[in-house]
Amino acid sequence: MKRGIAFLLSCLLAVSMLLVGCGAKTEGTTKSTSEEVTADSTTNEVQKTKVRVGSLKGPTSIGLVSLMERSENGKATNEYEFQMEPAADGLMAGILKGDLDIALIPANAASIWYNKMEGTVQVLDINTLGVLYMVSSDDSLTTIESLKGKTIVLTGKGNTPDYTLQYLLKEHGLTTDDVKLEYKAEAAEVVSALSKGQADIGLLPQPFVTVACAQNDQLKVVMDMTEQWNQVQGEEKSQLVTGVTIVRKEFLEQNKEAVEAFMEEQKESTTYVNENVEEAAELVAKLGIIEKAPLAQKAIPKCNITYIDGQEMKEALSGYLNVLYELDKTMVGGQLPADDFYYLP
């Protein structure tokens, strides 16, 4: 009897140990699965590359508003940090210091930076074509020749409006000695001068043209500078390129997939803005690019926001830079960029 009881107890003990062992094994499996899920989640987060993007407060930023919204909602491919500046100098400082990876800047500034930085930046695409307009209440201003003897207020010397005007004056047999140019640091200052009656003629990009005309109902567009540009082009026509997107070459080499993902998302954002003007205008107002959505809605169709990359980008941009080079070499940084300036994916 005692032997039977001892045998029964030993069996129960063995079963108990097996159950404990199975319980421990199950717990270990659960823990391992949890660790795998965590690891997978971490891996997914790591795959989102951090990309720091700078743009000017104007058309270049308007083209990005859809991507900015998607990024804020966590729906973008990369992890983006966006920075808007009123002038290109702030973006240049960010690129030089490595605080920005991508920047949307004036076309000629890209060439200047390329030369100053010894080819360490590349152009990804053209994001904005001609957006410049001559604004005045004077209906007699219909041609470039009619500007002779007039005072024109425009943004900073050496920027796109300045170069465009100088080129058009030259093509019509005039120089800067034939007109008086008053430079302001920002387009907003030109708007202020026009709306307060402190200036009669202003050269402005969109969307500031729309803002100026809204603040002073006597103002109107008297000349579309893109049309004026096209009129003086020969057989090999160059386009009036306003804004391009550049990338630090080092960042591109280390993050090619992330950069090309940005290009695709930038293209999608541009398409969205052009095809959904009312919704895009709300985002523009939300981001403070233009204060009121109705004004943004009027301005967007005139901003010439685009997306051109590859060989088409190279041909359009190189033609534009060549025009500036022939006018004044310093406008493109002393020399035309080499072929590696243009990123052809």
C-alpha atoms as a PDB file:
ATOM      1  CA  MET A   1       0.000   0.000   0.000  1.00  0.00           C
ATOM      2  CA  LYS A   2       2.761   2.359   0.949  1.00  0.00           C
ATOM      3  CA  ARG A   3       4.548   1.485  -2.264  1.00  0.00           C
ATOM      4  CA  GLY A   4       1.398   2.308  -4.238  1.00  0.00           C
ATOM      5  CA  ILE A   5       0.971   5.641  -2.551  1.00  0.00           C
ATOM      6  CA  ALA A   6       4.643   6.495  -3.102  1.00  0.00           C
ATOM      7  CA  PHE A   7       4.342   5.544  -6.765  1.00  0.00           C
ATOM      8  CA  LEU A   8       1.199   7.700  -7.149  1.00  0.00           C
ATOM      9  CA  LEU A   9       2.874  10.677  -5.480  1.00  0.00           C
ATOM     10  CA  SER A  10       5.916  10.387  -7.724  1.00  0.00           C
ATOM     11  CA  CYS A  11       3.640  10.366 -10.806  1.00  0.00           C
ATOM     12  CA  LEU A  12       1.758  13.435  -9.609  1.00  0.00           C
ATOM     13  CA  LEU A  13       5.046  15.235  -8.960  1.00  0.00           C
ATOM     14  CA  ALA A  14       6.281  14.422 -12.462  1.00  0.00           C
ATOM     15  CA  VAL A  15       3.044  15.683 -14.033  1.00  0.00           C
ATOM     16  CA  SER A  16       3.225  18.833 -11.900  1.00  0.00           C
ATOM     17  CA  MET A  17       6.772  19.513 -13.086  1.00  0.00           C
ATOM     18  CA  LEU A  18       5.715  19.018 -16.686  1.00  0.00           C
ATOM     19  CA  LEU A  19       2.857  21.475 -16.261  1.00  0.00           C
ATOM     20  CA  VAL A  20       5.168  24.048 -14.679  1.00  0.00           C
ATOM     21  CA  GLY A  21       7.624  23.500 -17.496  1.00  0.00           C
ATOM     22  CA  CYS A  22       4.901  23.983 -20.100  1.00  0.00           C
ATOM     23  CA  GLY A  23       3.723  27.097 -18.309  1.00  0.00           C
ATOM     24  CA  ALA A  24       7.213  28.545 -18.318  1.00  0.00           C
ATOM     25  CA  LYS A  25       7.642  27.674 -21.958  1.00  0.00           C
ATOM     26  CA  THR A  26       4.360  29.360 -22.888  1.00  0.00           C
ATOM     27  CA  GLU A  27       5.330  32.488 -20.954  1.00  0.00           C
ATOM     28  CA  GLY A  28       8.669  32.554 -22.711  1.00  0.00           C
ATOM     29  CA  THR A  29       7.002  32.246 -26.113  1.00  0.00           C
ATOM     30  CA  THR A  30       4.623  35.131 -25.353  1.00  0.00           C
ATOM     31  CA  LYS A  31       7.510  37.305 -24.278  1.00  0.00           C
ATOM     32  CA  SER A  32       9.461  36.469 -27.414  1.00  0.00           C
ATOM     33  CA  THR A  33       6.480  37.310 -29.643  1.00  0.00           C
ATOM     34  CA  SER A  34       6.035  40.618 -27.832  1.00  0.00           C
ATOM     35  CA  GLU A  35       9.688  41.423 -28.362  1.00  0.00           C
ATOM     36  CA  GLU A  36       9.368  40.611 -32.062  1.00  0.00           C
ATOM     37  CA  VAL A  37       6.375  42.943 -32.438  1.00  0.00           C
ATOM     38  CA  THR A  38       8.254  45.708 -30.665  1.00  0.00           C
ATOM     39  CA  ALA A  39      11.289  45.124 -32.839  1.00  0.00           C
ATOM     40  CA  ASP A  40       9.151  45.216 -35.980  1.00  0.00           C
ATOM     41  CA  SER A  41       7.505  48.452 -34.840  1.00  0.00           C
ATOM     42  CA  THR A  42      10.886  49.987 -34.138  1.00  0.00           C
ATOM     43  CA  THR A  43      12.155  48.873 -37.536  1.00  0.00           C
ATOM     44  CA  ASN A  44       9.189  50.524 -39.264  1.00  0.00           C
ATOM     45  CA  GLU A  45       9.909  53.788 -37.480  1.00  0.00           C
ATOM     46  CA  VAL A  46      13.600  53.651 -38.382  1.00  0.00           C
ATOM     47  CA  GLN A  47      12.698  53.197 -42.064  1.00  0.00           C
ATOM     48  CA  LYS A  48      11.195  56.713 -42.101  1.00  0.00           C
ATOM     49  CA  THR A  49      14.176  58.871 -42.945  1.00  0.00           C
ATOM     50  CA  LYS A  50      14.319  62.326 -41.406  1.00  0.00           C
ATOM     51  CA  VAL A  51      14.383  64.946 -44.169  1.00  0.00           C
ATOM     52  CA  ARG A  52      14.701  68.671 -43.376  1.00  0.00           C
ATOM     53  CA  VAL A  53      13.123  70.849 -46.057  1.00  0.00           C
ATOM     54  CA  GLY A  54      13.351  74.637 -46.365  1.00  0.00           C
ATOM     55  CA  SER A  55      11.275  76.831 -48.681  1.00  0.00           C
ATOM     56  CA  LEU A  56      10.486  80.476 -49.326  1.00  0.00           C
ATOM     57  CA  LYS A  57       7.241  81.959 -48.052  1.00  0.00           C
ATOM     58  CA  GLY A  58       5.472  82.115 -51.395  1.00  0.00           C
ATOM     59  CA  PRO A  59       4.786  79.876 -54.421  1.00  0.00           C
ATOM     60  CA  THR A  60       7.493  77.338 -53.545  1.00  0.00           C
ATOM     61  CA  SER A  61       5.865  76.715 -50.179  1.00  0.00           C
ATOM     62  CA  ILE A  62       2.359  76.700 -51.685  1.00  0.00           C
ATOM     63  CA  GLY A  63       3.349  73.746 -53.851  1.00  0.00           C
ATOM     64  CA  LEU A  64       4.275  71.791 -50.708  1.00  0.00           C
ATOM     65  CA  VAL A  65       1.160  72.426 -48.583  1.00  0.00           C
ATOM     66  CA  SER A  66      -0.449  69.068 -49.315  1.00  0.00           C
ATOM     67  CA  LEU A  67       2.755  67.234 -48.388  1.00  0.00           C
ATOM     68  CA  MET A  68       3.074  69.353 -45.249  1.00  0.00           C
ATOM     69  CA  GLU A  69      -0.440  68.309 -44.242  1.00  0.00           C
ATOM     70  CA  ARG A  70       0.229  64.629 -44.959  1.00  0.00           C
ATOM     71  CA  SER A  71       3.441  64.806 -42.957  1.00  0.00           C
ATOM     72  CA  GLU A  72       1.676  66.400 -40.002  1.00  0.00           C
ATOM     73  CA  ASN A  73      -0.851  63.548 -40.059  1.00  0.00           C
ATOM     74  CA  GLY A  74       1.886  60.923 -40.216  1.00  0.00           C
ATOM     75  CA  LYS A  75       0.971  59.803 -43.745  1.00  0.00           C
ATOM     76  CA  ALA A  76       4.151  60.846 -45.557  1.00  0.00           C
ATOM     77  CA  THR A  77       6.834  58.393 -46.642  1.00  0.00           C
ATOM     78  CA  ASN A  78       9.610  60.252 -44.824  1.00  0.00           C
ATOM     79  CA  GLU A  79       9.736  62.062 -41.503  1.00  0.00           C
ATOM     80  CA  TYR A  80       9.764  65.680 -42.649  1.00  0.00           C
ATOM     81  CA  GLU A  81      10.737  68.885 -40.892  1.00  0.00           C
ATOM     82  CA  PHE A  82       9.612  71.971 -42.826  1.00  0.00           C
ATOM     83  CA  GLN A  83      11.033  75.461 -42.469  1.00  0.00           C
ATOM     84  CA  MET A  84       9.780  78.591 -44.256  1.00  0.00           C
ATOM     85  CA  GLU A  85      11.916  81.700 -44.704  1.00  0.00           C
ATOM     86  CA  PRO A  86      11.091  85.157 -46.146  1.00  0.00           C
ATOM     87  CA  ALA A  87      14.386  85.313 -48.086  1.00  0.00           C
ATOM     88  CA  ALA A  88      16.846  82.858 -49.640  1.00  0.00           C
ATOM     89  CA  ASP A  89      19.709  83.841 -47.316  1.00  0.00           C
ATOM     90  CA  GLY A  90      18.172  81.947 -44.407  1.00  0.00           C
ATOM     91  CA  LEU A  91      17.878  78.803 -46.508  1.00  0.00           C
ATOM     92  CA  MET A  92      21.443  79.157 -47.775  1.00  0.00           C
ATOM     93  CA  ALA A  93      22.721  79.326 -44.201  1.00  0.00           C
ATOM     94  CA  GLY A  94      20.810  76.146 -43.398  1.00  0.00           C
ATOM     95  CA  ILE A  95      22.296  74.290 -46.370  1.00  0.00           C
ATOM     96  CA  LEU A  96      25.826  75.502 -45.601  1.00  0.00           C
ATOM     97  CA  LYS A  97      25.611  74.419 -41.953  1.00  0.00           C
ATOM     98  CA  GLY A  98      23.980  71.114 -42.811  1.00  0.00           C
ATOM     99  CA  ASP A  99      20.818  72.095 -40.911  1.00  0.00           C
ATOM    100  CA  LEU A 100      18.739  71.615 -44.084  1.00  0.00           C
ATOM    101  CA  ASP A 101      18.866  68.716 -46.523  1.00  0.00           C
ATOM    102  CA  ILE A 102      16.618  70.089 -49.264  1.00  0.00           C
ATOM    103  CA  ALA A 103      15.741  73.684 -50.155  1.00  0.00           C
ATOM    104  CA  LEU A 104      13.365  75.335 -52.620  1.00  0.00           C
ATOM    105  CA  ILE A 105      15.106  78.495 -53.815  1.00  0.00           C
ATOM    106  CA  PRO A 106      15.426  80.950 -56.745  1.00  0.00           C
ATOM    107  CA  ALA A 107      16.872  79.326 -59.852  1.00  0.00           C
ATOM    108  CA  ASN A 108      19.907  81.605 -60.153  1.00  0.00           C
ATOM    109  CA  ALA A 109      20.657  81.233 -56.428  1.00  0.00           C
ATOM    110  CA  ALA A 110      21.006  77.488 -56.987  1.00  0.00           C
ATOM    111  CA  SER A 111      23.716  78.137 -59.573  1.00  0.00           C
ATOM    112  CA  ILE A 112      25.488  80.618 -57.296  1.00  0.00           C
ATOM    113  CA  TRP A 113      25.451  78.160 -54.401  1.00  0.00           C
ATOM    114  CA  TYR A 114      26.705  75.375 -56.640  1.00  0.00           C
ATOM    115  CA  ASN A 115      29.733  77.469 -57.589  1.00  0.00           C
ATOM    116  CA  LYS A 116      30.379  78.756 -54.063  1.00  0.00           C
ATOM    117  CA  MET A 117      29.999  75.322 -52.489  1.00  0.00           C
ATOM    118  CA  GLU A 118      32.185  73.612 -55.101  1.00  0.00           C
ATOM    119  CA  GLY A 119      29.444  71.452 -56.556  1.00  0.00           C
ATOM    120  CA  THR A 120      28.111  70.043 -53.292  1.00  0.00           C
ATOM    121  CA  VAL A 121      24.464  70.733 -54.202  1.00  0.00           C
ATOM    122  CA  GLN A 122      22.332  69.375 -57.035  1.00  0.00           C
ATOM    123  CA  VAL A 123      19.030  70.458 -58.572  1.00  0.00           C
ATOM    124  CA  LEU A 124      16.218  67.928 -58.276  1.00  0.00           C
ATOM    125  CA  ASP A 125      13.457  69.752 -60.113  1.00  0.00           C
ATOM    126  CA  ILE A 126      11.841  73.012 -61.182  1.00  0.00           C
ATOM    127  CA  ASN A 127       9.012  73.878 -58.821  1.00  0.00           C
ATOM    128  CA  THR A 128       7.887  77.297 -60.101  1.00  0.00           C
ATOM    129  CA  LEU A 129       7.911  78.991 -63.498  1.00  0.00           C
ATOM    130  CA  GLY A 130       7.176  82.677 -64.167  1.00  0.00           C
ATOM    131  CA  VAL A 131       5.294  84.392 -61.340  1.00  0.00           C
ATOM    132  CA  LEU A 132       6.350  88.015 -61.842  1.00  0.00           C
ATOM    133  CA  TYR A 133       3.950  90.835 -62.654  1.00  0.00           C
ATOM    134  CA  MET A 134       4.248  94.603 -62.953  1.00  0.00           C
ATOM    135  CA  VAL A 135       1.599  96.212 -60.743  1.00  0.00           C
ATOM    136  CA  SER A 136       0.403  99.812 -60.997  1.00  0.00           C
ATOM    137  CA  SER A 137      -2.651 102.045 -61.313  1.00  0.00           C
ATOM    138  CA  ASP A 138      -1.137 103.638 -64.439  1.00  0.00           C
ATOM    139  CA  ASP A 139      -2.887 102.236 -67.528  1.00  0.00           C
ATOM    140  CA  SER A 140      -0.247 103.721 -69.857  1.00  0.00           C
ATOM    141  CA  LEU A 141       2.293 101.124 -68.732  1.00  0.00           C
ATOM    142  CA  THR A 142       1.800  98.434 -71.339  1.00  0.00           C
ATOM    143  CA  THR A 143       5.323  97.829 -72.668  1.00  0.00           C
ATOM    144  CA  ILE A 144       8.833  97.659 -71.261  1.00  0.00           C
ATOM    145  CA  GLU A 145       9.686 100.878 -73.140  1.00  0.00           C
ATOM    146  CA  SER A 146       6.923 102.684 -71.257  1.00  0.00           C
ATOM    147  CA  LEU A 147       8.864 102.178 -68.022  1.00  0.00           C
ATOM    148  CA  LYS A 148      11.542 104.681 -69.112  1.00  0.00           C
ATOM    149  CA  GLY A 149      11.927 107.468 -66.546  1.00  0.00           C
ATOM    150  CA  LYS A 150       9.743 105.668 -64.009  1.00  0.00           C
ATOM    151  CA  THR A 151      10.483 104.522 -60.455  1.00  0.00           C
ATOM    152  CA  ILE A 152       9.946 100.819 -59.825  1.00  0.00           C
ATOM    153  CA  VAL A 153       9.862  99.217 -56.382  1.00  0.00           C
ATOM    154  CA  LEU A 154      10.993  95.577 -56.226  1.00  0.00           C
ATOM    155  CA  THR A 155      12.552  93.030 -53.912  1.00  0.00           C
ATOM    156  CA  GLY A 156      16.243  92.814 -53.086  1.00  0.00           C
ATOM    157  CA  LYS A 157      18.990  93.524 -55.572  1.00  0.00           C
ATOM    158  CA  GLY A 158      20.370  90.361 -57.109  1.00  0.00           C
ATOM    159  CA  ASN A 159      17.157  88.370 -56.787  1.00  0.00           C
ATOM    160  CA  THR A 160      15.026  86.929 -59.585  1.00  0.00           C
ATOM    161  CA  PRO A 161      12.814  90.038 -60.081  1.00  0.00           C
ATOM    162  CA  ASP A 162      15.910  92.226 -60.431  1.00  0.00           C
ATOM    163  CA  TYR A 163      17.609  89.975 -62.995  1.00  0.00           C
ATOM    164  CA  THR A 164      14.429  89.478 -64.977  1.00  0.00           C
ATOM    165  CA  LEU A 165      13.801  93.202 -65.215  1.00  0.00           C
ATOM    166  CA  GLN A 166      17.418  93.943 -66.182  1.00  0.00           C
ATOM    167  CA  TYR A 167      17.273  91.353 -68.955  1.00  0.00           C
ATOM    168  CA  LEU A 168      14.008  92.715 -70.348  1.00  0.00           C
ATOM    169  CA  LEU A 169      15.282  96.299 -70.213  1.00  0.00           C
ATOM    170  CA  LYS A 170      18.390  95.285 -72.161  1.00  0.00           C
ATOM    171  CA  GLU A 171      16.360  93.440 -74.790  1.00  0.00           C
ATOM    172  CA  HIS A 172      14.335  96.613 -75.335  1.00  0.00           C
ATOM    173  CA  GLY A 173      17.377  98.880 -75.631  1.00  0.00           C
ATOM    174  CA  LEU A 174      17.195 100.240 -72.074  1.00  0.00           C
ATOM    175  CA  THR A 175      19.451  99.996 -69.022  1.00  0.00           C
ATOM    176  CA  THR A 176      19.012 100.501 -65.307  1.00  0.00           C
ATOM    177  CA  ASP A 177      20.082 104.111 -65.909  1.00  0.00           C
ATOM    178  CA  ASP A 178      16.805 104.660 -67.767  1.00  0.00           C
ATOM    179  CA  VAL A 179      14.687 103.729 -64.744  1.00  0.00           C
ATOM    180  CA  LYS A 180      14.964 104.234 -61.007  1.00  0.00           C
ATOM    181  CA  LEU A 181      14.958 101.002 -59.031  1.00  0.00           C
ATOM    182  CA  GLU A 182      14.082 101.046 -55.335  1.00  0.00           C
ATOM    183  CA  TYR A 183      14.896  97.768 -53.618  1.00  0.00           C
ATOM    184  CA  LYS A 184      13.082  96.322 -50.618  1.00  0.00           C
ATOM    185  CA  ALA A 185      14.218  93.394 -48.498  1.00  0.00           C
ATOM    186  CA  GLU A 186      10.962  91.453 -48.846  1.00  0.00           C
ATOM    187  CA  ALA A 187       7.974  91.328 -51.184  1.00  0.00           C
ATOM    188  CA  ALA A 188       5.742  92.263 -48.246  1.00  0.00           C
ATOM    189  CA  GLU A 189       7.523  95.644 -48.078  1.00  0.00           C
ATOM    190  CA  VAL A 190       6.760  96.260 -51.758  1.00  0.00           C
ATOM    191  CA  VAL A 191       3.104  95.433 -51.087  1.00  0.00           C
ATOM    192  CA  SER A 192       3.069  97.866 -48.168  1.00  0.00           C
ATOM    193  CA  ALA A 193       4.590 100.680 -50.254  1.00  0.00           C
ATOM    194  CA  LEU A 194       2.047 100.160 -53.051  1.00  0.00           C
ATOM    195  CA  SER A 195      -0.992  99.829 -50.784  1.00  0.00           C
ATOM    196  CA  LYS A 196      -0.075 102.992 -48.872  1.00  0.00           C
ATOM    197  CA  GLY A 197       0.511 105.001 -52.048  1.00  0.00           C
ATOM    198  CA  GLN A 198       4.237 105.359 -51.324  1.00  0.00           C
ATOM    199  CA  ALA A 199       5.060 103.803 -54.710  1.00  0.00           C
ATOM    200  CA  ASP A 200       3.348 103.908 -58.110  1.00  0.00           C
ATOM    201  CA  ILE A 201       4.879 100.845 -59.776  1.00  0.00           C
ATOM    202  CA  GLY A 202       5.884  97.564 -58.220  1.00  0.00           C
ATOM    203  CA  LEU A 203       7.425  94.375 -59.569  1.00  0.00           C
ATOM    204  CA  LEU A 204       6.002  91.505 -57.526  1.00  0.00           C
ATOM    205  CA  PRO A 205       5.670  87.731 -57.585  1.00  0.00           C
ATOM    206  CA  GLN A 206       2.430  85.972 -56.873  1.00  0.00           C
ATOM    207  CA  PRO A 207       0.787  85.596 -54.392  1.00  0.00           C
ATOM    208  CA  PHE A 208       1.871  89.093 -53.319  1.00  0.00           C
ATOM    209  CA  VAL A 209       0.327  90.579 -56.468  1.00  0.00           C
ATOM    210  CA  THR A 210      -3.108  89.403 -55.358  1.00  0.00           C
ATOM    211  CA  VAL A 211      -2.540  90.718 -51.845  1.00  0.00           C
ATOM    212  CA  ALA A 212      -1.443  94.156 -53.100  1.00  0.00           C
ATOM    213  CA  CYS A 213      -4.448  94.511 -55.415  1.00  0.00           C
ATOM    214  CA  ALA A 214      -6.778  93.471 -52.598  1.00  0.00           C
ATOM    215  CA  GLN A 215      -5.345  96.140 -50.285  1.00  0.00           C
ATOM    216  CA  ASN A 216      -5.530  98.913 -52.906  1.00  0.00           C
ATOM    217  CA  ASP A 217      -8.354  98.591 -55.441  1.00  0.00           C
ATOM    218  CA  GLN A 218      -6.650 101.140 -57.732  1.00  0.00           C
ATOM    219  CA  LEU A 219      -3.870  98.679 -58.450  1.00  0.00           C
ATOM    220  CA  LYS A 220      -3.919  96.190 -61.300  1.00  0.00           C
ATOM    221  CA  VAL A 221      -1.563  93.976 -63.269  1.00  0.00           C
ATOM    222  CA  VAL A 222      -0.217  96.063 -66.156  1.00  0.00           C
ATOM    223  CA  MET A 223       2.359  93.555 -67.451  1.00  0.00           C
ATOM    224  CA  ASP A 224       2.865  89.808 -67.184  1.00  0.00           C
ATOM    225  CA  MET A 225       6.649  89.438 -67.123  1.00  0.00           C
ATOM    226  CA  THR A 226       6.474  85.848 -68.390  1.00  0.00           C
ATOM    227  CA  GLU A 227       4.725  87.087 -71.526  1.00  0.00           C
ATOM    228  CA  GLN A 228       7.322  89.838 -71.873  1.00  0.00           C
ATOM    229  CA  TRP A 229      10.090  87.240 -71.502  1.00  0.00           C
ATOM    230  CA  ASN A 230       8.593  84.962 -74.143  1.00  0.00           C
ATOM    231  CA  GLN A 231       8.250  87.840 -76.624  1.00  0.00           C
ATOM    232  CA  VAL A 232      11.997  88.497 -76.740  1.00  0.00           C
ATOM    233  CA  GLN A 233      13.145  84.882 -76.994  1.00  0.00           C
ATOM    234  CA  GLY A 234      14.691  83.652 -80.227  1.00  0.00           C
ATOM    235  CA  GLU A 235      14.351  80.221 -81.829  1.00  0.00           C
ATOM    236  CA  GLU A 236      15.985  78.486 -78.891  1.00  0.00           C
ATOM    237  CA  LYS A 237      13.443  79.695 -76.355  1.00  0.00           C
ATOM    238  CA  SER A 238      14.359  79.573 -72.691  1.00  0.00           C
ATOM    239  CA  GLN A 239      11.685  79.448 -70.041  1.00  0.00           C
ATOM    240  CA  LEU A 240      11.430  81.959 -67.231  1.00  0.00           C
ATOM    241  CA  VAL A 241      12.313  79.704 -64.317  1.00  0.00           C
ATOM    242  CA  THR A 242      11.599  81.127 -60.886  1.00  0.00           C
ATOM    243  CA  GLY A 243      12.159  78.370 -58.344  1.00  0.00           C
ATOM    244  CA  VAL A 244      14.067  75.089 -58.186  1.00  0.00           C
ATOM    245  CA  THR A 245      14.577  72.387 -55.582  1.00  0.00           C
ATOM    246  CA  ILE A 246      18.129  71.582 -54.516  1.00  0.00           C
ATOM    247  CA  VAL A 247      19.593  68.881 -52.297  1.00  0.00           C
ATOM    248  CA  ARG A 248      22.899  68.522 -50.499  1.00  0.00           C
ATOM    249  CA  LYS A 249      24.815  65.969 -52.581  1.00  0.00           C
ATOM    250  CA  GLU A 250      26.113  64.208 -49.476  1.00  0.00           C
ATOM    251  CA  PHE A 251      22.577  63.715 -48.181  1.00  0.00           C
ATOM    252  CA  LEU A 252      21.445  62.463 -51.601  1.00  0.00           C
ATOM    253  CA  GLU A 253      24.248  59.920 -51.797  1.00  0.00           C
ATOM    254  CA  GLN A 254      23.416  58.582 -48.325  1.00  0.00           C
ATOM    255  CA  ASN A 255      19.630  58.695 -48.709  1.00  0.00           C
ATOM    256  CA  LYS A 256      18.831  58.238 -52.397  1.00  0.00           C
ATOM    257  CA  GLU A 257      15.556  56.380 -51.819  1.00  0.00           C
ATOM    258  CA  ALA A 258      14.335  58.990 -49.334  1.00  0.00           C
ATOM    259  CA  VAL A 259      15.166  61.846 -51.719  1.00  0.00           C
ATOM    260  CA  GLU A 260      13.404  60.188 -54.632  1.00  0.00           C
ATOM    261  CA  ALA A 261      10.427  59.522 -52.356  1.00  0.00           C
ATOM    262  CA  PHE A 262      10.371  63.231 -51.541  1.00  0.00           C
ATOM    263  CA  MET A 263      10.434  64.065 -55.255  1.00  0.00           C
ATOM    264  CA  GLU A 264       7.434  61.827 -55.860  1.00  0.00           C
ATOM    265  CA  GLU A 265       5.540  63.297 -52.908  1.00  0.00           C
ATOM    266  CA  GLN A 266       6.441  66.828 -54.017  1.00  0.00           C
ATOM    267  CA  LYS A 267       5.037  66.042 -57.467  1.00  0.00           C
ATOM    268  CA  GLU A 268       1.830  64.678 -55.931  1.00  0.00           C
ATOM    269  CA  SER A 269       1.514  67.742 -53.704  1.00  0.00           C
ATOM    270  CA  THR A 270       1.930  70.078 -56.686  1.00  0.00           C
ATOM    271  CA  THR A 271      -0.741  68.197 -58.621  1.00  0.00           C
ATOM    272  CA  TYR A 272      -3.097  68.361 -55.650  1.00  0.00           C
ATOM    273  CA  VAL A 273      -2.657  72.117 -55.260  1.00  0.00           C
ATOM    274  CA  ASN A 274      -3.301  72.810 -58.953  1.00  0.00           C
ATOM    275  CA  GLU A 275      -6.318  70.504 -59.159  1.00  0.00           C
ATOM    276  CA  ASN A 276      -7.893  71.318 -55.762  1.00  0.00           C
ATOM    277  CA  VAL A 277      -7.453  75.067 -55.492  1.00  0.00           C
ATOM    278  CA  GLU A 278     -10.163  75.707 -52.898  1.00  0.00           C
ATOM    279  CA  GLU A 279      -8.911  73.013 -50.519  1.00  0.00           C
ATOM    280  CA  ALA A 280      -5.283  74.014 -51.087  1.00  0.00           C
ATOM    281  CA  ALA A 281      -6.157  77.643 -50.318  1.00  0.00           C
ATOM    282  CA  GLU A 282      -7.391  76.574 -46.892  1.00  0.00           C
ATOM    283  CA  LEU A 283      -4.059  74.876 -46.201  1.00  0.00           C
ATOM    284  CA  VAL A 284      -2.154  77.939 -47.455  1.00  0.00           C
ATOM    285  CA  ALA A 285      -4.072  80.129 -44.993  1.00  0.00           C
ATOM    286  CA  LYS A 286      -3.649  77.587 -42.193  1.00  0.00           C
ATOM    287  CA  LEU A 287       0.126  77.641 -42.670  1.00  0.00           C
ATOM    288  CA  GLY A 288       0.242  81.448 -42.780  1.00  0.00           C
ATOM    289  CA  ILE A 289       1.636  81.717 -46.305  1.00  0.00           C
ATOM    290  CA  ILE A 290      -1.312  83.954 -47.205  1.00  0.00           C
ATOM    291  CA  GLU A 291      -3.487  85.177 -44.362  1.00  0.00           C
ATOM    292  CA  LYS A 292      -6.899  84.565 -45.928  1.00  0.00           C
ATOM    293  CA  ALA A 293      -8.060  81.562 -47.927  1.00  0.00           C
ATOM    294  CA  PRO A 294     -10.124  83.601 -50.452  1.00  0.00           C
ATOM    295  CA  LEU A 295      -6.993  85.559 -51.401  1.00  0.00           C
ATOM    296  CA  ALA A 296      -4.999  82.334 -51.690  1.00  0.00           C
ATOM    297  CA  GLN A 297      -7.713  80.880 -53.908  1.00  0.00           C
ATOM    298  CA  LYS A 298      -7.354  83.809 -56.308  1.00  0.00           C
ATOM    299  CA  ALA A 299      -3.559  83.691 -56.273  1.00  0.00           C
ATOM    300  CA  ILE A 300      -2.842  79.967 -56.716  1.00  0.00           C
ATOM    301  CA  PRO A 301      -3.871  79.689 -60.406  1.00  0.00           C
ATOM    302  CA  LYS A 302      -1.489  82.572 -61.217  1.00  0.00           C
ATOM    303  CA  CYS A 303       1.481  81.202 -59.278  1.00  0.00           C
ATOM    304  CA  ASN A 304       2.652  78.891 -62.088  1.00  0.00           C
ATOM    305  CA  ILE A 305       3.410  76.132 -59.586  1.00  0.00           C
ATOM    306  CA  THR A 306       4.825  73.146 -61.424  1.00  0.00           C
ATOM    307  CA  TYR A 307       6.967  70.047 -61.164  1.00  0.00           C
ATOM    308  CA  ILE A 308       9.581  69.370 -63.866  1.00  0.00           C
ATOM    309  CA  ASP A 309      12.473  66.964 -63.386  1.00  0.00           C
ATOM    310  CA  GLY A 310      14.897  64.933 -65.467  1.00  0.00           C
ATOM    311  CA  GLN A 311      16.092  65.995 -68.900  1.00  0.00           C
ATOM    312  CA  GLU A 312      13.243  68.469 -69.370  1.00  0.00           C
ATOM    313  CA  MET A 313      14.306  70.228 -66.174  1.00  0.00           C
ATOM    314  CA  LYS A 314      17.918  70.369 -67.346  1.00  0.00           C
ATOM    315  CA  GLU A 315      17.040  71.901 -70.716  1.00  0.00           C
ATOM    316  CA  ALA A 316      14.694  74.527 -69.280  1.00  0.00           C
ATOM    317  CA  LEU A 317      16.981  75.532 -66.408  1.00  0.00           C
ATOM    318  CA  SER A 318      20.231  75.555 -68.384  1.00  0.00           C
ATOM    319  CA  GLY A 319      18.591  77.764 -71.021  1.00  0.00           C
ATOM    320  CA  TYR A 320      17.444  80.222 -68.376  1.00  0.00           C
ATOM    321  CA  LEU A 321      20.847  80.310 -66.663  1.00  0.00           C
ATOM    322  CA  ASN A 322      22.553  80.863 -70.002  1.00  0.00           C
ATOM    323  CA  VAL A 323      20.430  83.994 -70.576  1.00  0.00           C
ATOM    324  CA  LEU A 324      21.493  85.352 -67.194  1.00  0.00           C
ATOM    325  CA  TYR A 325      25.139  84.418 -67.803  1.00  0.00           C
ATOM    326  CA  GLU A 326      25.219  86.409 -71.036  1.00  0.00           C
ATOM    327  CA  LEU A 327      23.684  89.365 -69.230  1.00  0.00           C
ATOM    328  CA  ASP A 328      25.983  89.275 -66.193  1.00  0.00           C
ATOM    329  CA  LYS A 329      28.153  86.329 -65.150  1.00  0.00           C
ATOM    330  CA  THR A 330      27.793  87.189 -61.473  1.00  0.00           C
ATOM    331  CA  MET A 331      24.072  86.395 -61.723  1.00  0.00           C
ATOM    332  CA  VAL A 332      24.907  82.682 -61.876  1.00  0.00           C
ATOM    333  CA  GLY A 333      28.002  82.721 -59.674  1.00  0.00           C
ATOM    334  CA  GLY A 334      30.658  83.519 -62.291  1.00  0.00           C
ATOM    335  CA  GLN A 335      30.282  80.454 -64.477  1.00  0.00           C
ATOM    336  CA  LEU A 336      27.606  78.094 -65.713  1.00  0.00           C
ATOM    337  CA  PRO A 337      27.195  74.885 -63.678  1.00  0.00           C
ATOM    338  CA  ALA A 338      28.615  71.604 -64.958  1.00  0.00           C
ATOM    339  CA  ASP A 339      26.402  68.653 -65.880  1.00  0.00           C
ATOM    340  CA  ASP A 340      26.550  67.210 -62.363  1.00  0.00           C
ATOM    341  CA  PHE A 341      24.500  70.216 -61.220  1.00  0.00           C
ATOM    342  CA  TYR A 342      21.414  68.502 -62.651  1.00  0.00           C
ATOM    343  CA  TYR A 343      20.134  65.357 -60.935  1.00  0.00           C
ATOM    344  CA  LEU A 344      18.836  62.961 -63.559  1.00  0.00           C
ATOM    345  CA  PRO A 345      17.370  59.928 -61.752  1.00  0.00           C
END
